[in-house]
């Protein structure tokens, strides 16, 4: 019996343990790119910048303005601060949906903000991201334990 493995995947969790060098800490852009890589939101040598631009915009509104922006505000921020080609609101909405599906961002009344951990206050981005990734990894490991227990029982029945 062939198992459609791709259909079994509920979510992927990629987190990278990376060096946080002095050079990375020098600019906001390099820190945002580092975070996107560390959180598995982009691949190494990723040339597309849209998700990085969106993250930078979300961090700006969170840290500088203490505000939950809407898609239009995010798009305008990216357009003003992006080097090179313009970005469409459709692209911003696509990446917001991806971040929402990953559990990193929430939307209420048309405004976007980082998900809040039940153990932290709104604005605690580090706590929210940590809670999100730990919850997802805990759920995955629970299923891994279940599979290993089933396999152990199968081997013992011989």
N, C-alpha and C. Protein backbone atom coordinates (compact mmCIF):
# COMPACT_ATOMS: atom_id res chain seq x y z
N UNK A 1 0.83 -1.18 0.00
CA UNK A 1 0.00 0.00 0.00
C UNK A 1 0.88 1.25 0.00
N UNK A 2 0.64 2.12 -0.93
CA UNK A 2 1.41 3.36 -1.07
C UNK A 2 0.77 4.45 -0.21
N UNK A 3 1.55 5.08 0.65
CA UNK A 3 1.05 6.15 1.51
C UNK A 3 1.37 7.49 0.84
N UNK A 4 0.36 8.33 0.63
CA UNK A 4 0.62 9.64 0.03
C UNK A 4 1.26 10.57 1.06
N UNK A 5 2.56 10.46 1.20
CA UNK A 5 3.28 11.14 2.28
C UNK A 5 3.06 12.64 2.32
N UNK A 6 3.04 13.27 1.16
CA UNK A 6 2.86 14.73 1.14
C UNK A 6 1.52 15.12 1.76
N UNK A 7 0.51 14.28 1.59
CA UNK A 7 -0.81 14.59 2.14
C UNK A 7 -0.83 14.47 3.67
N UNK A 8 0.14 13.78 4.24
CA UNK A 8 0.19 13.62 5.69
C UNK A 8 0.79 14.83 6.41
N UNK A 9 1.50 15.66 5.68
CA UNK A 9 2.18 16.80 6.29
C UNK A 9 1.16 17.88 6.64
N UNK A 10 1.06 18.17 7.93
CA UNK A 10 0.16 19.23 8.39
C UNK A 10 0.84 20.59 8.36
N UNK A 11 2.09 20.62 8.79
CA UNK A 11 2.91 21.84 8.82
C UNK A 11 4.36 21.44 8.78
N UNK A 12 5.16 22.34 8.28
CA UNK A 12 6.60 22.14 8.36
C UNK A 12 7.15 23.13 9.37
N UNK A 13 8.11 22.69 10.11
CA UNK A 13 8.74 23.54 11.10
C UNK A 13 10.23 23.56 10.81
N UNK A 14 10.71 24.72 10.38
CA UNK A 14 12.13 24.88 10.12
C UNK A 14 12.63 25.97 11.06
N UNK A 15 13.62 25.61 11.82
CA UNK A 15 14.28 26.60 12.68
C UNK A 15 15.77 26.32 12.58
N UNK A 16 16.52 27.37 12.38
CA UNK A 16 17.96 27.20 12.19
C UNK A 16 18.73 27.81 13.36
N UNK A 17 19.72 27.10 13.83
CA UNK A 17 20.62 27.61 14.85
C UNK A 17 21.75 28.29 14.10
N UNK A 18 21.76 29.60 14.12
CA UNK A 18 22.72 30.36 13.31
C UNK A 18 23.58 31.26 14.20
N UNK A 19 24.75 31.58 13.72
CA UNK A 19 25.61 32.52 14.42
C UNK A 19 25.02 33.92 14.30
N UNK A 20 25.01 34.63 15.40
CA UNK A 20 24.55 36.02 15.40
C UNK A 20 25.79 36.89 15.54
N UNK A 21 26.40 37.17 14.41
CA UNK A 21 27.68 37.87 14.38
C UNK A 21 27.53 39.38 14.54
N UNK A 22 28.65 40.00 14.78
CA UNK A 22 28.69 41.46 14.89
C UNK A 22 28.22 42.11 13.58
N UNK A 23 28.59 41.50 12.47
CA UNK A 23 28.20 42.05 11.16
C UNK A 23 26.68 41.99 10.97
N UNK A 24 26.07 40.91 11.42
CA UNK A 24 24.62 40.77 11.30
C UNK A 24 23.91 41.84 12.12
N UNK A 25 24.46 42.17 13.28
CA UNK A 25 23.84 43.13 14.19
C UNK A 25 24.01 44.58 13.74
N UNK A 26 24.73 44.82 12.66
CA UNK A 26 25.06 46.19 12.25
C UNK A 26 23.87 46.95 11.65
N UNK A 27 22.96 46.25 10.95
CA UNK A 27 21.85 46.96 10.31
C UNK A 27 20.53 46.25 10.59
N UNK A 28 19.45 47.02 10.50
CA UNK A 28 18.11 46.44 10.67
C UNK A 28 17.85 45.40 9.59
N UNK A 29 18.22 45.73 8.36
CA UNK A 29 17.97 44.80 7.25
C UNK A 29 18.66 43.46 7.46
N UNK A 30 19.91 43.50 7.91
CA UNK A 30 20.62 42.23 8.09
C UNK A 30 20.03 41.44 9.26
N UNK A 31 19.56 42.12 10.29
CA UNK A 31 18.91 41.43 11.41
C UNK A 31 17.58 40.81 10.98
N UNK A 32 16.80 41.53 10.19
CA UNK A 32 15.52 40.98 9.72
C UNK A 32 15.76 39.78 8.82
N UNK A 33 16.75 39.88 7.92
CA UNK A 33 17.08 38.73 7.06
C UNK A 33 17.53 37.55 7.90
N UNK A 34 18.37 37.81 8.91
CA UNK A 34 18.84 36.76 9.80
C UNK A 34 17.66 36.08 10.49
N UNK A 35 16.72 36.88 11.00
CA UNK A 35 15.54 36.32 11.66
C UNK A 35 14.71 35.48 10.70
N UNK A 36 14.52 35.97 9.47
CA UNK A 36 13.75 35.21 8.47
C UNK A 36 14.42 33.87 8.17
N UNK A 37 15.74 33.86 8.11
CA UNK A 37 16.48 32.61 7.89
C UNK A 37 16.38 31.71 9.12
N UNK A 38 16.59 32.27 10.31
CA UNK A 38 16.57 31.48 11.54
C UNK A 38 15.19 30.85 11.77
N UNK A 39 14.14 31.57 11.41
CA UNK A 39 12.77 31.07 11.60
C UNK A 39 12.29 30.21 10.43
N UNK A 40 13.15 29.99 9.45
CA UNK A 40 12.78 29.14 8.32
C UNK A 40 11.78 29.77 7.38
N UNK A 41 11.67 31.09 7.40
CA UNK A 41 10.72 31.77 6.51
C UNK A 41 11.27 31.96 5.11
N UNK A 42 12.59 31.94 5.00
CA UNK A 42 13.25 31.98 3.70
C UNK A 42 14.34 30.92 3.68
N UNK A 43 14.80 30.61 2.50
CA UNK A 43 15.88 29.64 2.33
C UNK A 43 17.21 30.37 2.23
N UNK A 44 18.30 29.68 2.54
CA UNK A 44 19.61 30.31 2.32
C UNK A 44 19.74 30.71 0.85
N UNK A 45 20.38 31.82 0.60
CA UNK A 45 20.58 32.37 -0.73
C UNK A 45 19.27 32.78 -1.41
N UNK A 46 18.23 32.99 -0.62
CA UNK A 46 16.94 33.44 -1.14
C UNK A 46 17.12 34.81 -1.78
N UNK A 47 16.65 34.96 -3.01
CA UNK A 47 16.81 36.24 -3.68
C UNK A 47 15.55 37.10 -3.59
N UNK A 48 14.39 36.49 -3.35
CA UNK A 48 13.16 37.27 -3.22
C UNK A 48 13.18 38.00 -1.88
N UNK A 49 12.79 39.27 -1.91
CA UNK A 49 12.88 40.08 -0.70
C UNK A 49 11.54 40.43 -0.10
N UNK A 50 10.45 40.04 -0.72
CA UNK A 50 9.12 40.50 -0.29
C UNK A 50 8.81 40.16 1.15
N UNK A 51 9.07 38.91 1.56
CA UNK A 51 8.76 38.52 2.94
C UNK A 51 9.67 39.24 3.93
N UNK A 52 10.90 39.50 3.53
CA UNK A 52 11.82 40.24 4.40
C UNK A 52 11.34 41.68 4.55
N UNK A 53 10.92 42.28 3.44
CA UNK A 53 10.38 43.64 3.49
C UNK A 53 9.13 43.69 4.38
N UNK A 54 8.28 42.69 4.27
CA UNK A 54 7.07 42.66 5.08
C UNK A 54 7.42 42.51 6.57
N UNK A 55 8.34 41.62 6.88
CA UNK A 55 8.77 41.47 8.28
C UNK A 55 9.33 42.78 8.83
N UNK A 56 10.15 43.43 8.01
CA UNK A 56 10.73 44.69 8.44
C UNK A 56 9.62 45.72 8.72
N UNK A 57 8.60 45.74 7.87
CA UNK A 57 7.48 46.66 8.07
C UNK A 57 6.71 46.31 9.35
N UNK A 58 6.45 45.02 9.57
CA UNK A 58 5.75 44.60 10.79
C UNK A 58 6.55 44.97 12.04
N UNK A 59 7.86 44.76 12.00
CA UNK A 59 8.71 45.14 13.14
C UNK A 59 8.68 46.66 13.35
N UNK A 60 8.72 47.41 12.26
CA UNK A 60 8.67 48.87 12.38
C UNK A 60 7.39 49.30 13.11
N UNK A 61 6.25 48.82 12.63
CA UNK A 61 4.99 49.22 13.24
C UNK A 61 4.89 48.73 14.69
N UNK A 62 5.41 47.55 14.97
CA UNK A 62 5.36 47.00 16.32
C UNK A 62 6.27 47.77 17.28
N UNK A 63 7.53 47.97 16.86
CA UNK A 63 8.53 48.54 17.75
C UNK A 63 8.57 50.07 17.74
N UNK A 64 8.38 50.70 16.59
CA UNK A 64 8.49 52.16 16.51
C UNK A 64 7.17 52.88 16.72
N UNK A 65 6.10 52.30 16.20
CA UNK A 65 4.80 52.96 16.27
C UNK A 65 3.87 52.36 17.33
N UNK A 66 4.19 51.18 17.83
CA UNK A 66 3.29 50.43 18.74
C UNK A 66 1.88 50.39 18.16
N UNK A 67 1.82 50.00 16.89
CA UNK A 67 0.57 50.06 16.14
C UNK A 67 0.39 48.77 15.34
N UNK A 68 -0.87 48.35 15.19
CA UNK A 68 -1.20 47.21 14.33
C UNK A 68 -1.61 47.75 12.97
N UNK A 69 -0.77 47.59 11.96
CA UNK A 69 -1.06 48.18 10.65
C UNK A 69 -2.05 47.33 9.85
N UNK A 70 -2.66 47.97 8.86
CA UNK A 70 -3.46 47.22 7.90
C UNK A 70 -2.58 46.93 6.68
N UNK A 71 -3.10 46.18 5.73
CA UNK A 71 -2.31 45.78 4.56
C UNK A 71 -1.86 47.00 3.75
N UNK A 72 -2.72 48.00 3.65
CA UNK A 72 -2.38 49.20 2.89
C UNK A 72 -1.20 49.94 3.54
N UNK A 73 -1.22 50.07 4.86
CA UNK A 73 -0.12 50.74 5.56
C UNK A 73 1.19 49.98 5.41
N UNK A 74 1.10 48.65 5.48
CA UNK A 74 2.30 47.83 5.29
C UNK A 74 2.85 48.02 3.88
N UNK A 75 1.96 47.99 2.89
CA UNK A 75 2.38 48.16 1.49
C UNK A 75 3.04 49.51 1.30
N UNK A 76 2.44 50.56 1.84
CA UNK A 76 3.00 51.91 1.69
C UNK A 76 4.36 52.02 2.37
N UNK A 77 4.51 51.43 3.54
CA UNK A 77 5.80 51.45 4.23
C UNK A 77 6.86 50.77 3.37
N UNK A 78 6.52 49.61 2.83
CA UNK A 78 7.49 48.87 2.00
C UNK A 78 7.85 49.68 0.76
N UNK A 79 6.85 50.28 0.12
CA UNK A 79 7.11 51.09 -1.09
C UNK A 79 8.05 52.24 -0.79
N UNK A 80 7.88 52.88 0.36
CA UNK A 80 8.73 54.03 0.72
C UNK A 80 10.15 53.60 1.07
N UNK A 81 10.30 52.40 1.62
CA UNK A 81 11.59 51.99 2.15
C UNK A 81 12.31 50.93 1.33
N UNK A 82 11.69 50.43 0.30
CA UNK A 82 12.30 49.36 -0.49
C UNK A 82 13.20 49.94 -1.57
N UNK A 83 14.34 49.30 -1.70
CA UNK A 83 15.26 49.68 -2.76
C UNK A 83 14.90 48.86 -3.99
N UNK A 84 14.65 49.54 -5.11
CA UNK A 84 14.35 48.79 -6.34
C UNK A 84 12.88 48.80 -6.67
N UNK A 85 12.39 47.67 -7.17
CA UNK A 85 11.03 47.57 -7.71
C UNK A 85 9.96 47.77 -6.65
N UNK A 86 8.80 48.23 -7.11
CA UNK A 86 7.65 48.43 -6.23
C UNK A 86 7.04 47.09 -5.83
N UNK A 87 6.27 47.11 -4.77
CA UNK A 87 5.61 45.91 -4.29
C UNK A 87 4.10 46.14 -4.38
N UNK A 88 3.36 45.10 -4.72
CA UNK A 88 1.91 45.24 -4.81
C UNK A 88 1.26 44.83 -3.50
N UNK A 89 0.07 45.35 -3.26
CA UNK A 89 -0.67 44.98 -2.06
C UNK A 89 -1.03 43.49 -2.11
N UNK A 90 -1.22 42.97 -3.31
CA UNK A 90 -1.52 41.54 -3.47
C UNK A 90 -0.36 40.68 -2.94
N UNK A 91 0.86 41.09 -3.22
CA UNK A 91 2.04 40.37 -2.73
C UNK A 91 2.11 40.46 -1.21
N UNK A 92 1.84 41.62 -0.66
CA UNK A 92 1.84 41.81 0.79
C UNK A 92 0.79 40.91 1.43
N UNK A 93 -0.41 40.88 0.85
CA UNK A 93 -1.48 40.03 1.38
C UNK A 93 -1.11 38.55 1.32
N UNK A 94 -0.44 38.15 0.24
CA UNK A 94 -0.01 36.75 0.11
C UNK A 94 0.95 36.38 1.25
N UNK A 95 1.94 37.23 1.49
CA UNK A 95 2.92 36.93 2.54
C UNK A 95 2.30 37.03 3.93
N UNK A 96 1.36 37.94 4.12
CA UNK A 96 0.64 38.01 5.40
C UNK A 96 -0.12 36.71 5.64
N UNK A 97 -0.73 36.17 4.59
CA UNK A 97 -1.44 34.90 4.72
C UNK A 97 -0.48 33.78 5.09
N UNK A 98 0.71 33.76 4.48
CA UNK A 98 1.70 32.74 4.81
C UNK A 98 2.14 32.86 6.27
N UNK A 99 2.37 34.08 6.72
CA UNK A 99 2.77 34.29 8.12
C UNK A 99 1.62 33.94 9.07
N UNK A 100 0.40 34.21 8.63
CA UNK A 100 -0.78 33.85 9.43
C UNK A 100 -0.91 32.33 9.52
N UNK A 101 -0.74 31.64 8.39
CA UNK A 101 -0.81 30.18 8.36
C UNK A 101 0.29 29.55 9.20
N UNK A 102 1.42 30.22 9.30
CA UNK A 102 2.53 29.73 10.13
C UNK A 102 2.30 30.03 11.61
N UNK A 103 1.25 30.79 11.90
CA UNK A 103 0.94 31.11 13.29
C UNK A 103 1.70 32.29 13.86
N UNK A 104 2.44 32.99 13.03
CA UNK A 104 3.25 34.10 13.51
C UNK A 104 2.49 35.42 13.58
N UNK A 105 1.48 35.56 12.72
CA UNK A 105 0.74 36.81 12.61
C UNK A 105 -0.75 36.53 12.76
N UNK A 106 -1.45 37.47 13.34
CA UNK A 106 -2.92 37.39 13.44
C UNK A 106 -3.52 38.62 12.80
N UNK A 107 -4.79 38.48 12.43
CA UNK A 107 -5.51 39.59 11.82
C UNK A 107 -6.82 39.79 12.57
N UNK A 108 -7.06 41.03 12.99
CA UNK A 108 -8.32 41.39 13.63
C UNK A 108 -8.76 42.74 13.10
N UNK A 109 -10.00 42.81 12.65
CA UNK A 109 -10.57 44.04 12.12
C UNK A 109 -9.68 44.66 11.06
N UNK A 110 -9.08 43.81 10.21
CA UNK A 110 -8.26 44.29 9.11
C UNK A 110 -6.86 44.73 9.49
N UNK A 111 -6.50 44.54 10.75
CA UNK A 111 -5.18 44.94 11.23
C UNK A 111 -4.35 43.72 11.58
N UNK A 112 -3.05 43.80 11.34
CA UNK A 112 -2.15 42.67 11.54
C UNK A 112 -1.20 42.93 12.70
N UNK A 113 -0.92 41.85 13.43
CA UNK A 113 0.00 41.94 14.56
C UNK A 113 0.59 40.55 14.81
N UNK A 114 1.72 40.53 15.49
CA UNK A 114 2.33 39.26 15.84
C UNK A 114 1.44 38.54 16.83
N UNK A 115 1.32 37.24 16.66
CA UNK A 115 0.52 36.42 17.57
C UNK A 115 1.02 36.60 18.99
N UNK A 116 0.11 36.52 19.92
CA UNK A 116 0.45 36.72 21.32
C UNK A 116 0.43 35.37 22.03
N UNK A 117 1.44 35.11 22.79
CA UNK A 117 1.49 33.92 23.63
C UNK A 117 0.51 34.10 24.78
N UNK A 118 -0.11 33.02 25.24
CA UNK A 118 -0.98 33.15 26.41
C UNK A 118 -0.21 33.53 27.67
N UNK A 119 1.11 33.44 27.60
CA UNK A 119 1.96 33.72 28.77
C UNK A 119 2.65 35.08 28.70
N UNK A 120 2.34 35.84 27.66
CA UNK A 120 3.01 37.13 27.53
C UNK A 120 2.01 38.22 27.14
N UNK A 121 2.48 39.43 27.16
CA UNK A 121 1.65 40.57 26.80
C UNK A 121 1.81 40.88 25.33
N UNK A 122 0.81 41.58 24.80
CA UNK A 122 0.90 42.02 23.42
C UNK A 122 2.14 42.90 23.27
N UNK A 123 2.87 42.69 22.22
CA UNK A 123 4.11 43.42 22.02
C UNK A 123 5.34 42.60 22.35
N UNK A 124 5.16 41.49 23.04
CA UNK A 124 6.29 40.60 23.36
C UNK A 124 6.49 39.67 22.16
N UNK A 125 7.13 40.19 21.14
CA UNK A 125 7.31 39.44 19.89
C UNK A 125 8.16 38.20 20.12
N UNK A 126 9.22 38.32 20.89
CA UNK A 126 10.10 37.17 21.15
C UNK A 126 9.33 36.05 21.85
N UNK A 127 8.55 36.41 22.86
CA UNK A 127 7.76 35.41 23.58
C UNK A 127 6.72 34.75 22.69
N UNK A 128 6.10 35.54 21.82
CA UNK A 128 5.08 35.01 20.92
C UNK A 128 5.68 34.04 19.91
N UNK A 129 6.81 34.41 19.35
CA UNK A 129 7.47 33.53 18.36
C UNK A 129 7.94 32.25 19.03
N UNK A 130 8.55 32.38 20.20
CA UNK A 130 9.03 31.20 20.93
C UNK A 130 7.86 30.27 21.26
N UNK A 131 6.77 30.81 21.76
CA UNK A 131 5.60 30.00 22.09
C UNK A 131 5.06 29.28 20.86
N UNK A 132 4.97 30.01 19.74
CA UNK A 132 4.48 29.42 18.50
C UNK A 132 5.33 28.24 18.07
N UNK A 133 6.64 28.43 18.00
CA UNK A 133 7.52 27.36 17.54
C UNK A 133 7.57 26.19 18.52
N UNK A 134 7.59 26.50 19.81
CA UNK A 134 7.62 25.41 20.80
C UNK A 134 6.32 24.61 20.78
N UNK A 135 5.19 25.28 20.63
CA UNK A 135 3.91 24.57 20.56
C UNK A 135 3.86 23.65 19.36
N UNK A 136 4.34 24.16 18.22
CA UNK A 136 4.34 23.34 17.00
C UNK A 136 5.30 22.17 17.13
N UNK A 137 6.47 22.40 17.72
CA UNK A 137 7.43 21.29 17.86
C UNK A 137 6.93 20.28 18.89
N UNK A 138 6.30 20.75 19.97
CA UNK A 138 5.73 19.84 20.96
C UNK A 138 4.68 18.93 20.33
N UNK A 139 3.81 19.50 19.50
CA UNK A 139 2.78 18.71 18.82
C UNK A 139 3.40 17.68 17.89
N UNK A 140 4.45 18.08 17.17
CA UNK A 140 5.13 17.15 16.27
C UNK A 140 5.80 16.02 17.05
N UNK A 141 6.46 16.35 18.15
CA UNK A 141 7.13 15.32 18.95
C UNK A 141 6.15 14.39 19.63
N UNK A 142 4.98 14.87 19.97
CA UNK A 142 3.95 14.01 20.53
C UNK A 142 3.58 12.91 19.53
N UNK A 143 3.43 13.30 18.27
CA UNK A 143 3.11 12.32 17.22
C UNK A 143 4.29 11.38 16.94
N UNK A 144 5.50 11.91 17.02
CA UNK A 144 6.69 11.07 16.84
C UNK A 144 6.76 10.02 17.95
N UNK A 145 6.51 10.42 19.19
CA UNK A 145 6.48 9.47 20.31
C UNK A 145 5.42 8.41 20.09
N UNK A 146 4.25 8.84 19.62
CA UNK A 146 3.16 7.90 19.37
C UNK A 146 3.57 6.86 18.31
N UNK A 147 4.20 7.33 17.24
CA UNK A 147 4.65 6.43 16.18
C UNK A 147 5.70 5.46 16.70
N UNK A 148 6.63 5.96 17.52
CA UNK A 148 7.67 5.08 18.06
C UNK A 148 7.08 4.05 19.02
N UNK A 149 6.11 4.45 19.83
CA UNK A 149 5.45 3.48 20.71
C UNK A 149 4.72 2.41 19.92
N UNK A 150 4.06 2.80 18.84
CA UNK A 150 3.38 1.82 17.98
C UNK A 150 4.38 0.87 17.35
N UNK A 151 5.51 1.41 16.91
CA UNK A 151 6.55 0.58 16.29
C UNK A 151 7.14 -0.39 17.31
N UNK A 152 7.38 0.09 18.54
CA UNK A 152 7.90 -0.77 19.59
C UNK A 152 6.93 -1.93 19.85
N UNK A 153 5.65 -1.66 19.93
CA UNK A 153 4.65 -2.71 20.15
C UNK A 153 4.66 -3.72 19.00
N UNK A 154 4.80 -3.26 17.78
CA UNK A 154 4.84 -4.14 16.63
C UNK A 154 6.04 -5.06 16.70
N UNK A 155 7.19 -4.51 17.11
CA UNK A 155 8.41 -5.33 17.21
C UNK A 155 8.30 -6.35 18.35
N UNK A 156 7.64 -6.02 19.40
CA UNK A 156 7.50 -6.92 20.53
C UNK A 156 6.50 -8.04 20.27
N UNK A 157 5.62 -7.86 19.32
CA UNK A 157 4.61 -8.88 19.02
C UNK A 157 5.17 -10.04 18.23
N UNK A 158 6.35 -9.94 17.73
CA UNK A 158 6.94 -11.01 16.93
C UNK A 158 7.29 -12.21 17.74
